[in-house]
N, C-alpha and C. Protein backbone atom coordinates (compact mmCIF):
# COMPACT_ATOMS: atom_id res chain seq x y z
N MET A 1 -207.43 -103.93 259.81
CA MET A 1 -206.48 -103.83 258.76
C MET A 1 -207.56 -102.87 257.98
N GLU A 2 -206.43 -101.54 257.63
CA GLU A 2 -207.25 -100.54 256.63
C GLU A 2 -206.89 -100.86 255.34
N ILE A 3 -208.20 -100.75 254.56
CA ILE A 3 -207.76 -101.25 253.12
C ILE A 3 -208.13 -99.88 252.36
N ARG A 4 -207.29 -99.44 251.56
CA ARG A 4 -207.11 -97.95 250.92
C ARG A 4 -207.45 -98.39 249.46
N MET A 5 -208.39 -97.51 248.96
CA MET A 5 -208.54 -97.66 247.57
C MET A 5 -207.43 -96.87 246.72
N ILE A 6 -206.81 -97.48 245.68
CA ILE A 6 -205.79 -96.70 245.04
C ILE A 6 -206.63 -96.12 243.95
N THR A 7 -206.15 -94.79 244.12
CA THR A 7 -206.98 -93.64 243.02
C THR A 7 -205.90 -93.56 241.57
N GLN A 8 -206.82 -93.20 240.86
CA GLN A 8 -205.95 -93.00 239.44
C GLN A 8 -204.50 -92.16 239.55
N GLU A 9 -204.55 -91.36 240.21
CA GLU A 9 -203.37 -90.63 240.71
C GLU A 9 -202.38 -91.25 241.44
N ASP A 10 -202.62 -92.11 242.26
CA ASP A 10 -202.00 -92.93 242.94
C ASP A 10 -201.21 -93.97 242.22
N ARG A 11 -201.62 -94.40 241.10
CA ARG A 11 -201.24 -95.31 240.16
C ARG A 11 -199.64 -95.20 239.80
N PHE A 12 -198.89 -96.14 239.69
CA PHE A 12 -197.68 -96.04 239.09
C PHE A 12 -197.61 -96.42 237.87
N ILE A 13 -196.82 -96.01 236.89
CA ILE A 13 -196.50 -96.33 235.52
C ILE A 13 -195.31 -96.61 235.25
N ASN A 14 -195.21 -97.43 234.06
CA ASN A 14 -193.85 -98.03 233.91
C ASN A 14 -193.32 -97.20 232.65
N THR A 15 -192.24 -97.26 232.18
CA THR A 15 -191.49 -96.43 231.35
C THR A 15 -192.38 -96.44 229.87
N THR A 16 -192.85 -97.82 229.32
CA THR A 16 -193.62 -97.80 228.25
C THR A 16 -195.14 -97.00 228.60
N GLN A 17 -195.70 -97.36 229.40
CA GLN A 17 -197.00 -96.00 229.83
C GLN A 17 -196.35 -94.81 229.72
N LEU A 18 -195.17 -94.48 230.40
CA LEU A 18 -194.69 -92.94 230.26
C LEU A 18 -194.52 -92.39 229.21
N SER A 19 -193.74 -93.32 228.30
CA SER A 19 -193.49 -93.00 226.85
C SER A 19 -194.72 -92.52 225.98
N GLU A 20 -195.65 -93.42 226.14
CA GLU A 20 -197.14 -93.37 225.37
C GLU A 20 -197.48 -92.09 225.75
N LEU A 21 -197.54 -91.72 227.03
CA LEU A 21 -198.12 -90.50 227.62
C LEU A 21 -197.50 -89.23 227.40
N LEU A 22 -196.24 -89.21 227.21
CA LEU A 22 -195.61 -88.08 226.69
C LEU A 22 -195.23 -88.15 225.45
N GLY A 23 -195.40 -89.15 224.37
CA GLY A 23 -195.30 -89.10 222.94
C GLY A 23 -194.00 -89.22 222.71
N VAL A 24 -192.92 -89.84 223.30
CA VAL A 24 -191.45 -90.14 223.28
C VAL A 24 -191.21 -91.53 223.04
N SER A 25 -190.06 -91.57 222.71
CA SER A 25 -189.55 -93.28 222.81
C SER A 25 -189.03 -93.61 224.07
N ASN A 26 -189.14 -94.79 224.46
CA ASN A 26 -188.52 -95.30 225.64
C ASN A 26 -186.98 -94.69 226.01
N VAL A 27 -186.22 -94.67 224.88
CA VAL A 27 -184.80 -94.16 224.82
C VAL A 27 -184.84 -92.46 225.45
N THR A 28 -185.85 -92.11 225.13
CA THR A 28 -186.07 -90.56 225.42
C THR A 28 -186.24 -90.48 226.94
N ILE A 29 -186.92 -91.29 227.31
CA ILE A 29 -187.43 -91.52 228.77
C ILE A 29 -186.23 -91.69 229.44
N TRP A 30 -185.27 -92.79 229.17
CA TRP A 30 -184.18 -93.10 229.84
C TRP A 30 -183.10 -92.05 229.74
N ARG A 31 -182.98 -91.61 228.79
CA ARG A 31 -182.03 -90.15 228.61
C ARG A 31 -182.54 -89.04 229.48
N TRP A 32 -183.88 -88.76 229.26
CA TRP A 32 -184.54 -87.42 230.41
C TRP A 32 -184.18 -88.17 231.70
N ARG A 33 -184.45 -89.18 232.03
CA ARG A 33 -184.19 -89.61 233.42
C ARG A 33 -182.59 -89.66 233.93
N LYS A 34 -181.87 -90.08 233.23
CA LYS A 34 -180.40 -89.86 233.24
C LYS A 34 -180.07 -88.48 233.73
N SER A 35 -180.47 -87.48 232.76
CA SER A 35 -180.47 -86.09 233.20
C SER A 35 -180.97 -85.28 233.97
N SER A 36 -181.87 -86.05 234.97
CA SER A 36 -182.92 -85.35 235.87
C SER A 36 -183.70 -84.40 235.06
N GLN A 37 -184.19 -84.71 234.14
CA GLN A 37 -185.39 -84.05 233.61
C GLN A 37 -186.69 -84.40 233.92
N LEU A 38 -186.88 -85.58 234.29
CA LEU A 38 -188.00 -86.07 234.75
C LEU A 38 -188.27 -86.06 236.25
N PRO A 39 -189.28 -86.11 237.07
CA PRO A 39 -189.45 -86.39 238.38
C PRO A 39 -188.62 -87.66 238.45
N PRO A 40 -188.10 -87.86 239.73
CA PRO A 40 -187.52 -89.04 240.26
C PRO A 40 -188.36 -90.55 239.81
N ALA A 41 -188.02 -91.61 239.52
CA ALA A 41 -188.50 -92.51 239.41
C ALA A 41 -188.26 -93.42 240.81
N TYR A 42 -189.35 -94.31 240.99
CA TYR A 42 -189.20 -95.41 242.09
C TYR A 42 -188.94 -96.76 241.25
N LYS A 43 -187.79 -97.31 242.37
CA LYS A 43 -187.43 -98.44 241.91
C LYS A 43 -188.02 -99.72 242.73
N PHE A 44 -188.72 -100.58 241.77
CA PHE A 44 -189.44 -101.59 242.57
C PHE A 44 -188.60 -102.87 242.57
N ASN A 45 -187.61 -103.22 241.77
CA ASN A 45 -186.76 -104.09 241.88
C ASN A 45 -185.54 -103.84 240.87
N ASP A 46 -184.60 -104.83 240.85
CA ASP A 46 -183.32 -104.70 240.06
C ASP A 46 -183.79 -104.02 238.49
N GLN A 47 -184.56 -104.51 238.28
CA GLN A 47 -184.91 -103.97 236.63
C GLN A 47 -186.19 -103.16 236.43
N SER A 48 -186.83 -102.89 237.51
CA SER A 48 -188.17 -102.26 237.14
C SER A 48 -188.06 -100.93 237.87
N VAL A 49 -188.54 -99.62 237.19
CA VAL A 49 -188.57 -98.64 237.60
C VAL A 49 -190.01 -98.14 237.06
N ARG A 50 -190.59 -97.06 238.01
CA ARG A 50 -192.01 -96.54 237.68
C ARG A 50 -191.95 -95.36 238.19
N TRP A 51 -193.03 -94.46 237.75
CA TRP A 51 -193.27 -93.35 238.24
C TRP A 51 -194.53 -93.22 238.59
N ARG A 52 -194.85 -92.32 239.82
CA ARG A 52 -196.46 -92.13 240.22
C ARG A 52 -197.12 -91.22 239.31
N GLN A 53 -198.10 -91.49 238.88
CA GLN A 53 -198.70 -90.76 237.89
C GLN A 53 -199.10 -89.20 238.23
N SER A 54 -199.38 -89.09 239.46
CA SER A 54 -199.71 -87.97 240.26
C SER A 54 -198.38 -87.01 240.06
N GLU A 55 -197.06 -87.50 240.27
CA GLU A 55 -195.99 -86.51 240.15
C GLU A 55 -195.86 -86.41 238.59
N ILE A 56 -196.08 -87.28 237.58
CA ILE A 56 -195.85 -86.97 236.30
C ILE A 56 -196.77 -85.79 235.95
N GLU A 57 -198.16 -85.92 236.19
CA GLU A 57 -199.18 -84.79 236.04
C GLU A 57 -198.94 -83.59 236.34
N SER A 58 -198.29 -83.39 237.49
CA SER A 58 -198.02 -82.24 238.20
C SER A 58 -196.84 -81.82 237.35
N TRP A 59 -195.77 -82.44 237.08
CA TRP A 59 -194.32 -82.16 236.43
C TRP A 59 -194.92 -81.60 234.92
N LEU A 60 -195.97 -82.27 234.17
CA LEU A 60 -196.52 -81.98 232.83
C LEU A 60 -196.99 -80.41 232.87
N LYS A 61 -197.80 -80.25 234.23
CA LYS A 61 -198.87 -79.07 234.27
C LYS A 61 -197.59 -77.92 234.52
N ASN A 62 -196.50 -77.92 235.16
CA ASN A 62 -195.54 -77.20 235.51
C ASN A 62 -194.77 -76.87 234.05
N GLN A 63 -194.20 -77.92 233.23
CA GLN A 63 -193.93 -77.72 231.82
C GLN A 63 -194.77 -76.96 231.19
N ARG A 64 -195.84 -77.05 231.12
CA ARG A 64 -196.70 -76.16 229.95
C ARG A 64 -196.62 -74.78 230.62
N LEU A 65 -196.87 -74.65 231.98
CA LEU A 65 -196.64 -73.54 232.67
C LEU A 65 -195.47 -72.56 232.10
N ASN A 66 -194.49 -73.31 232.24
CA ASN A 66 -193.35 -72.47 231.87
C ASN A 66 -193.02 -72.33 230.47
N GLN A 67 -193.52 -73.06 229.49
CA GLN A 67 -193.80 -72.77 228.08
C GLN A 67 -194.59 -71.82 227.92
N GLU A 68 -195.56 -71.33 228.49
CA GLU A 68 -196.20 -70.31 228.48
C GLU A 68 -195.55 -68.68 228.76
N VAL A 69 -194.55 -68.74 229.56
CA VAL A 69 -193.73 -67.78 229.93
C VAL A 69 -193.08 -67.10 229.34
């Protein structure tokens, strides 16, 4: 059995953590999710969705690059 260490980038973050990271409200997160402005979320159960931190960081980097153009 292989044991794999989870790195910070492999971590999943919830809506509250994502809203704090982006400095917006949970409502804004849900609105952006509904309009596909965020990377896709992963559904963990009927009531829980999370985002892979590495995908959010990559998305943020692209957002910043697009603002500079």
